[in-house]
Amino acid sequence: MPRPRWMGETERNRVTFRLEGRALDEAQDDATIVTLREQEALGIDIVTDGEQRREGFIFHMCRTWDGIDLVNQVQKEVYRRRNNPRMVPRVTGKLKRRSPATVDDVKFAKAYTNRPVKMALAGPMTVIDSSLNDAYADEGEMAMDIAAAVNAELIDLQAAGCDLLQLDEPAMTRYHEKVFDYGAAALDRCLDGVMVPVIVHLCYGYPGGAALQHQYTYPELLDRLMQTRIAGFTVEFGRSTYDPSILKPYRERLFMFGCIDPGNTPAPTVDEVKRRVASALDYLDPARVMLSPDCGLMTISRDLAREKLKVMVAVAQDLRKGM
């Protein structure tokens, strides 16, 4: 969810906080409560803490890992398979989790809502693609060490009462060959001992005007991930031009169906989104479908985010009435 402007400035998918120390902790508590109340008022069934404590969606959990330097960042030239230079953390040694990073976040959220809470963590391939590896000769070995750390975090989130877990893996949609090489196996390693449903978020239609990358198609990726223990998939059909018929072979899994463009575009009409979702329900089990924006809403204004979520909730309510 968008951060309040009094707390920080967002650029791309990262925020620079205006405060520090105890003042920042208090502001993040307040922003989380506001975000939860907004979701409840809008009619969102499964809420999140809005990731109000996170500078970005990838490295929040890595704060408690050995082997990664989050402070002294370096430039990486190729990012998400494009010449797209970014300043990224550097992997300096064997990656190992010391302690939980997000458990207090979910405990805080659950103390302020009675609705089911979803929490998201970055998956192994995305951590690799979003950092500079100066330690591992074998990227597959690095992925499995990350998976072990992610698994420990998921186990602790499960124990804290989290209701739905998500692994963000935009890198999977850019590097199918790496998914087949080690990515799917690393995803499965993340799931050891986790009984709470875990879904994997497969980004395609990025906000902010980035080009669609349909050359990396869903079907072969989903075919491989169906061989893992993943409970389901978060897919993007709000901004993309995909035909939802491609999802039919995977209907036995949960689907968080992206139906809203998360970028800085006008809110769609209820009828427009309703048609989009209804076309997918021809191929999916409605009892296993959840609606969501394509991706996170942190890059747009709070007013626009509310307008888009209002449309999504209205669509869900209308479709339920017709079942």
Protein backbone atom coordinates (compact mmCIF):
# COMPACT_ATOMS: atom_id res chain seq x y z
CA MET A 1 0.00 0.00 0.00
CA PRO A 2 1.19 3.60 -0.56
CA ARG A 3 3.15 5.16 2.28
CA PRO A 4 1.72 8.33 3.85
CA ARG A 5 3.74 11.31 2.62
CA TRP A 6 4.43 12.40 6.19
CA MET A 7 6.44 9.21 6.68
CA GLY A 8 8.57 9.05 3.55
CA GLU A 9 9.10 9.67 -0.16
CA THR A 10 8.70 6.78 -2.61
CA GLU A 11 10.82 6.50 -5.75
CA ARG A 12 10.48 3.46 -8.02
CA ASN A 13 9.82 0.69 -5.51
CA ARG A 14 11.80 2.09 -2.59
CA VAL A 15 10.97 4.60 0.12
CA THR A 16 13.23 7.09 1.89
CA PHE A 17 11.93 7.61 5.41
CA ARG A 18 11.78 11.14 6.82
CA LEU A 19 12.29 9.99 10.42
CA GLU A 20 14.64 7.70 12.30
CA GLY A 21 14.95 5.83 15.56
CA ARG A 22 11.98 5.70 17.91
CA ALA A 23 10.13 8.40 15.96
CA LEU A 24 10.25 6.21 12.85
CA ASP A 25 9.10 3.14 14.79
CA GLU A 26 6.10 5.07 16.08
CA ALA A 27 5.29 6.46 12.63
CA GLN A 28 5.44 2.98 11.10
CA ASP A 29 3.10 1.65 13.80
CA ASP A 30 0.66 4.46 13.05
CA ALA A 31 0.90 3.98 9.29
CA THR A 32 0.28 0.25 9.66
CA ILE A 33 -2.86 0.85 11.73
CA VAL A 34 -4.13 3.41 9.21
CA THR A 35 -3.46 0.99 6.34
CA LEU A 36 -5.32 -1.83 8.08
CA ARG A 37 -8.30 0.41 8.83
CA GLU A 38 -8.41 1.62 5.21
CA GLN A 39 -8.46 -1.94 3.91
CA GLU A 40 -11.21 -2.91 6.33
CA ALA A 41 -13.31 0.13 5.39
CA LEU A 42 -12.89 -0.70 1.69
CA GLY A 43 -14.07 -4.28 2.24
CA ILE A 44 -10.80 -6.12 1.64
CA ASP A 45 -11.20 -9.68 2.98
CA ILE A 46 -7.51 -10.63 3.39
CA VAL A 47 -5.47 -7.66 4.58
CA THR A 48 -1.76 -6.87 4.82
CA ASP A 49 0.29 -4.48 6.92
CA GLY A 50 0.85 -2.55 3.71
CA GLU A 51 4.60 -3.19 4.11
CA GLN A 52 4.76 0.18 5.85
CA ARG A 53 7.98 -0.74 7.66
CA ARG A 54 9.86 -1.76 4.52
CA GLU A 55 12.20 0.42 2.47
CA GLY A 56 11.52 -1.97 -0.42
CA PHE A 57 9.82 -5.30 -0.96
CA ILE A 58 12.95 -7.45 -1.33
CA PHE A 59 15.49 -6.91 1.45
CA HIS A 60 13.39 -6.29 4.56
CA MET A 61 13.87 -9.89 5.68
CA CYS A 62 17.62 -9.80 4.91
CA ARG A 63 18.29 -7.36 7.76
CA THR A 64 18.91 -10.36 10.00
CA TRP A 65 21.09 -12.36 7.61
CA ASP A 66 24.83 -12.89 7.61
CA GLY A 67 26.65 -12.60 4.30
CA ILE A 68 24.90 -9.57 2.78
CA ASP A 69 25.94 -5.92 2.94
CA LEU A 70 22.79 -3.80 2.78
CA VAL A 71 24.60 -0.52 3.54
CA ASN A 72 27.48 -0.26 1.08
CA GLN A 73 25.56 -0.80 -2.14
CA VAL A 74 27.14 -1.18 -5.57
CA GLN A 75 25.89 -0.72 -9.11
CA LYS A 76 24.56 -3.73 -11.00
CA GLU A 77 24.24 -3.26 -14.76
CA VAL A 78 21.74 -6.01 -15.69
CA TYR A 79 18.57 -6.08 -13.60
CA ARG A 80 15.54 -8.22 -14.46
CA ARG A 81 17.27 -9.29 -17.68
CA ARG A 82 17.49 -5.75 -18.97
CA ASN A 83 20.28 -3.21 -19.15
CA ASN A 84 18.80 -1.34 -16.23
CA PRO A 85 21.55 -0.25 -13.80
CA ARG A 86 20.55 -0.23 -10.12
CA MET A 87 22.33 0.25 -6.82
CA VAL A 88 22.01 -3.08 -5.01
CA PRO A 89 23.29 -4.83 -1.86
CA ARG A 90 26.39 -7.02 -2.18
CA VAL A 91 26.57 -10.67 -1.16
CA THR A 92 29.86 -10.98 0.71
CA GLY A 93 29.75 -14.47 2.22
CA LYS A 94 27.60 -17.47 3.01
CA LEU A 95 24.01 -16.34 3.49
CA LYS A 96 22.56 -17.43 6.82
CA ARG A 97 19.61 -16.17 8.86
CA ARG A 98 20.36 -15.11 12.43
CA SER A 99 16.88 -14.27 13.70
CA PRO A 100 13.34 -13.40 12.53
CA ALA A 101 12.87 -10.16 10.61
CA THR A 102 9.13 -9.95 9.89
CA VAL A 103 7.49 -11.88 12.74
CA ASP A 104 6.87 -8.76 14.83
CA ASP A 105 5.30 -7.17 11.74
CA VAL A 106 2.66 -9.89 11.45
CA LYS A 107 2.06 -9.97 15.21
CA PHE A 108 1.45 -6.24 15.20
CA ALA A 109 -0.93 -6.46 12.25
CA LYS A 110 -2.91 -9.28 13.83
CA ALA A 111 -3.26 -7.29 17.05
CA TYR A 112 -5.13 -4.59 15.11
CA THR A 113 -7.42 -6.59 12.84
CA ASN A 114 -9.69 -9.60 13.06
CA ARG A 115 -9.36 -10.32 9.35
CA PRO A 116 -6.95 -12.86 7.85
CA VAL A 117 -3.48 -11.40 7.30
CA LYS A 118 -1.20 -12.05 4.34
CA MET A 119 2.55 -11.42 4.47
CA ALA A 120 5.00 -11.45 1.56
CA LEU A 121 8.71 -12.19 1.31
CA ALA A 122 11.03 -12.10 -1.67
CA GLY A 123 11.90 -15.51 -3.11
CA PRO A 124 15.42 -16.85 -3.76
CA MET A 125 15.67 -15.97 -7.46
CA THR A 126 14.57 -12.40 -6.85
CA VAL A 127 17.07 -11.89 -4.02
CA ILE A 128 19.81 -13.15 -6.35
CA ASP A 129 18.76 -10.95 -9.26
CA SER A 130 18.46 -7.91 -6.97
CA SER A 131 21.93 -8.20 -5.44
CA LEU A 132 25.53 -8.47 -6.61
CA ASN A 133 27.09 -11.87 -5.90
CA ASP A 134 30.69 -11.57 -4.73
CA ALA A 135 30.75 -14.79 -2.70
CA TYR A 136 29.27 -17.83 -4.48
CA ALA A 137 30.78 -19.68 -7.42
CA ASP A 138 27.52 -21.60 -7.89
CA GLU A 139 24.30 -19.57 -8.15
CA GLY A 140 22.26 -22.69 -7.43
CA GLU A 141 24.05 -23.14 -4.09
CA MET A 142 23.34 -19.51 -3.28
CA ALA A 143 19.65 -20.04 -4.07
CA MET A 144 19.41 -22.99 -1.70
CA ASP A 145 21.04 -21.03 1.15
CA ILE A 146 18.54 -18.22 0.56
CA ALA A 147 15.73 -20.78 0.48
CA ALA A 148 16.80 -22.14 3.87
CA ALA A 149 16.71 -18.63 5.33
CA VAL A 150 13.31 -17.89 3.75
CA ASN A 151 11.95 -21.22 4.98
CA ALA A 152 12.95 -20.40 8.56
CA GLU A 153 11.18 -17.05 8.26
CA LEU A 154 8.04 -18.68 6.86
CA ILE A 155 8.00 -21.24 9.68
CA ASP A 156 8.16 -18.43 12.23
CA LEU A 157 5.44 -16.43 10.44
CA GLN A 158 3.28 -19.54 10.48
CA ALA A 159 3.82 -19.92 14.22
CA ALA A 160 2.89 -16.25 14.69
CA GLY A 161 -0.52 -16.93 13.14
CA CYS A 162 -0.09 -15.57 9.62
CA ASP A 163 -3.01 -16.78 7.49
CA LEU A 164 -1.60 -16.55 3.94
CA LEU A 165 2.01 -16.30 2.79
CA GLN A 166 3.39 -15.03 -0.50
CA LEU A 167 6.79 -15.33 -2.15
CA ASP A 168 7.51 -12.49 -4.58
CA GLU A 169 9.39 -13.86 -7.59
CA PRO A 170 9.47 -11.36 -10.48
CA ALA A 171 12.85 -12.81 -11.48
CA MET A 172 11.20 -16.15 -12.27
CA THR A 173 9.27 -14.60 -15.12
CA ARG A 174 12.48 -13.24 -16.67
CA TYR A 175 14.74 -16.26 -16.31
CA HIS A 176 12.77 -19.41 -17.13
CA GLU A 177 16.01 -21.32 -17.76
CA LYS A 178 17.11 -20.60 -14.18
CA VAL A 179 13.73 -21.75 -12.86
CA PHE A 180 14.33 -25.10 -14.53
CA ASP A 181 17.95 -25.19 -13.37
CA TYR A 182 17.52 -24.38 -9.67
CA GLY A 183 14.68 -21.89 -9.07
CA ALA A 184 11.81 -24.38 -8.78
CA ALA A 185 13.86 -26.58 -6.44
CA ALA A 186 14.72 -23.55 -4.29
CA LEU A 187 11.05 -22.56 -4.17
CA ASP A 188 10.18 -26.05 -2.96
CA ARG A 189 12.89 -25.82 -0.29
CA CYS A 190 11.24 -22.65 1.01
CA LEU A 191 8.08 -24.67 1.73
CA ASP A 192 9.53 -27.39 3.99
CA GLY A 193 7.27 -27.76 7.02
CA VAL A 194 4.97 -24.88 6.04
CA MET A 195 1.30 -25.80 6.35
CA VAL A 196 -0.16 -22.31 5.80
CA PRO A 197 -0.98 -21.75 2.10
CA VAL A 198 1.94 -20.17 0.23
CA ILE A 199 1.43 -18.55 -3.17
CA VAL A 200 4.12 -17.30 -5.54
CA HIS A 201 3.79 -13.89 -7.17
CA LEU A 202 4.86 -13.96 -10.82
CA CYS A 203 5.19 -10.36 -12.06
CA TYR A 204 4.60 -9.38 -15.68
CA GLY A 205 2.79 -6.07 -16.04
CA TYR A 206 4.99 -3.66 -14.11
CA PRO A 207 3.63 -0.27 -13.05
CA GLY A 208 5.31 3.01 -13.93
CA GLY A 209 5.19 2.56 -17.70
CA ALA A 210 7.68 -0.32 -17.98
CA ALA A 211 7.22 -2.38 -21.11
CA LEU A 212 5.27 -5.62 -20.99
CA GLN A 213 7.52 -8.65 -21.39
CA HIS A 214 5.26 -11.27 -22.86
CA GLN A 215 8.15 -13.05 -24.53
CA TYR A 216 8.48 -14.89 -21.21
CA THR A 217 5.11 -16.60 -21.13
CA TYR A 218 3.21 -18.06 -18.18
CA PRO A 219 2.46 -21.61 -19.36
CA GLU A 220 5.91 -23.21 -19.36
CA LEU A 221 6.69 -21.50 -16.05
CA LEU A 222 3.47 -22.71 -14.43
CA ASP A 223 4.03 -26.20 -15.84
CA ARG A 224 7.30 -26.43 -13.93
CA LEU A 225 5.98 -24.86 -10.74
CA MET A 226 3.04 -27.28 -10.69
CA GLN A 227 5.66 -29.90 -9.84
CA THR A 228 6.42 -28.08 -6.58
CA ARG A 229 4.36 -27.91 -3.39
CA ILE A 230 3.32 -24.30 -3.97
CA ALA A 231 -0.35 -23.75 -3.06
CA GLY A 232 -1.02 -21.28 -5.82
CA PHE A 233 -0.04 -18.37 -8.00
CA THR A 234 -0.44 -14.61 -8.11
CA VAL A 235 -0.77 -13.70 -11.78
CA GLU A 236 -1.19 -10.38 -13.59
CA PHE A 237 -4.07 -9.80 -15.97
CA GLY A 238 -4.97 -6.22 -15.08
CA ARG A 239 -2.32 -4.61 -17.24
CA SER A 240 -1.29 -7.51 -19.44
CA THR A 241 -3.08 -8.63 -22.58
CA TYR A 242 -3.00 -12.33 -21.75
CA ASP A 243 -5.91 -14.61 -22.57
CA PRO A 244 -6.97 -16.21 -19.23
CA SER A 245 -7.64 -19.51 -21.01
CA ILE A 246 -3.94 -20.26 -20.51
CA LEU A 247 -4.70 -20.80 -16.80
CA LYS A 248 -7.12 -23.69 -17.27
CA PRO A 249 -4.57 -26.52 -16.80
CA TYR A 250 -3.70 -25.15 -13.35
CA ARG A 251 -7.19 -24.69 -11.90
CA GLU A 252 -6.56 -27.10 -9.01
CA ARG A 253 -4.31 -24.49 -7.36
CA LEU A 254 -5.23 -21.21 -5.67
CA PHE A 255 -5.13 -18.14 -7.89
CA MET A 256 -4.71 -14.59 -6.75
CA PHE A 257 -5.94 -13.05 -9.99
CA GLY A 258 -4.47 -9.63 -10.74
CA CYS A 259 -7.29 -7.59 -12.24
CA ILE A 260 -6.27 -3.98 -11.53
CA ASP A 261 -3.42 -2.03 -13.16
CA PRO A 262 -1.24 -0.96 -10.20
CA GLY A 263 0.32 1.97 -12.06
CA ASN A 264 -0.50 5.66 -12.24
CA THR A 265 -3.47 5.21 -14.56
CA PRO A 266 -7.13 6.12 -13.98
CA ALA A 267 -9.22 3.67 -11.99
CA PRO A 268 -11.08 1.30 -14.35
CA THR A 269 -14.83 0.88 -14.33
CA VAL A 270 -16.51 -1.90 -12.40
CA ASP A 271 -17.93 -3.35 -15.63
CA GLU A 272 -14.50 -3.41 -17.29
CA VAL A 273 -12.89 -5.33 -14.43
CA LYS A 274 -15.93 -7.54 -13.99
CA ARG A 275 -15.65 -8.68 -17.62
CA ARG A 276 -11.95 -9.37 -17.12
CA VAL A 277 -12.53 -11.51 -14.03
CA ALA A 278 -15.60 -13.27 -15.43
CA SER A 279 -13.59 -14.37 -18.45
CA ALA A 280 -11.06 -16.02 -16.11
CA LEU A 281 -13.79 -17.79 -14.14
CA ASP A 282 -14.62 -19.73 -17.29
CA TYR A 283 -11.32 -21.56 -16.70
CA LEU A 284 -10.73 -21.39 -12.94
CA ASP A 285 -12.58 -22.71 -9.89
CA PRO A 286 -14.28 -19.62 -8.37
CA ALA A 287 -13.83 -21.08 -4.88
CA ARG A 288 -10.06 -20.96 -5.41
CA VAL A 289 -9.88 -17.43 -6.86
CA MET A 290 -8.95 -14.27 -4.96
CA LEU A 291 -8.85 -10.82 -6.56
CA SER A 292 -5.93 -8.44 -6.23
CA PRO A 293 -4.15 -5.65 -8.05
CA ASP A 294 -1.50 -6.92 -10.45
CA CYS A 295 1.29 -5.80 -8.14
CA GLY A 296 1.85 -3.54 -5.17
CA LEU A 297 0.27 -0.08 -5.04
CA MET A 298 3.13 1.77 -3.32
CA THR A 299 4.07 3.79 -6.42
CA ILE A 300 0.71 5.60 -6.68
CA SER A 301 -1.18 8.05 -4.49
CA ARG A 302 -3.32 6.90 -1.58
CA ASP A 303 -6.42 8.40 -3.19
CA LEU A 304 -5.87 6.52 -6.45
CA ALA A 305 -5.11 3.28 -4.59
CA ARG A 306 -8.39 3.61 -2.70
CA GLU A 307 -10.33 4.22 -5.91
CA LYS A 308 -8.83 1.15 -7.57
CA LEU A 309 -9.46 -1.07 -4.56
CA LYS A 310 -13.08 0.14 -4.36
CA VAL A 311 -13.57 -1.10 -7.92
CA MET A 312 -11.99 -4.46 -7.12
CA VAL A 313 -14.19 -4.98 -4.06
CA ALA A 314 -17.32 -4.02 -6.00
CA VAL A 315 -16.44 -6.57 -8.68
CA ALA A 316 -15.98 -9.34 -6.11
CA GLN A 317 -19.30 -8.49 -4.46
CA ASP A 318 -21.17 -8.43 -7.80
CA LEU A 319 -19.71 -11.73 -8.95
CA ARG A 320 -20.53 -13.43 -5.65
CA LYS A 321 -24.16 -12.38 -5.99
CA GLY A 322 -24.35 -14.10 -9.37
CA MET A 323 -23.01 -17.44 -8.14
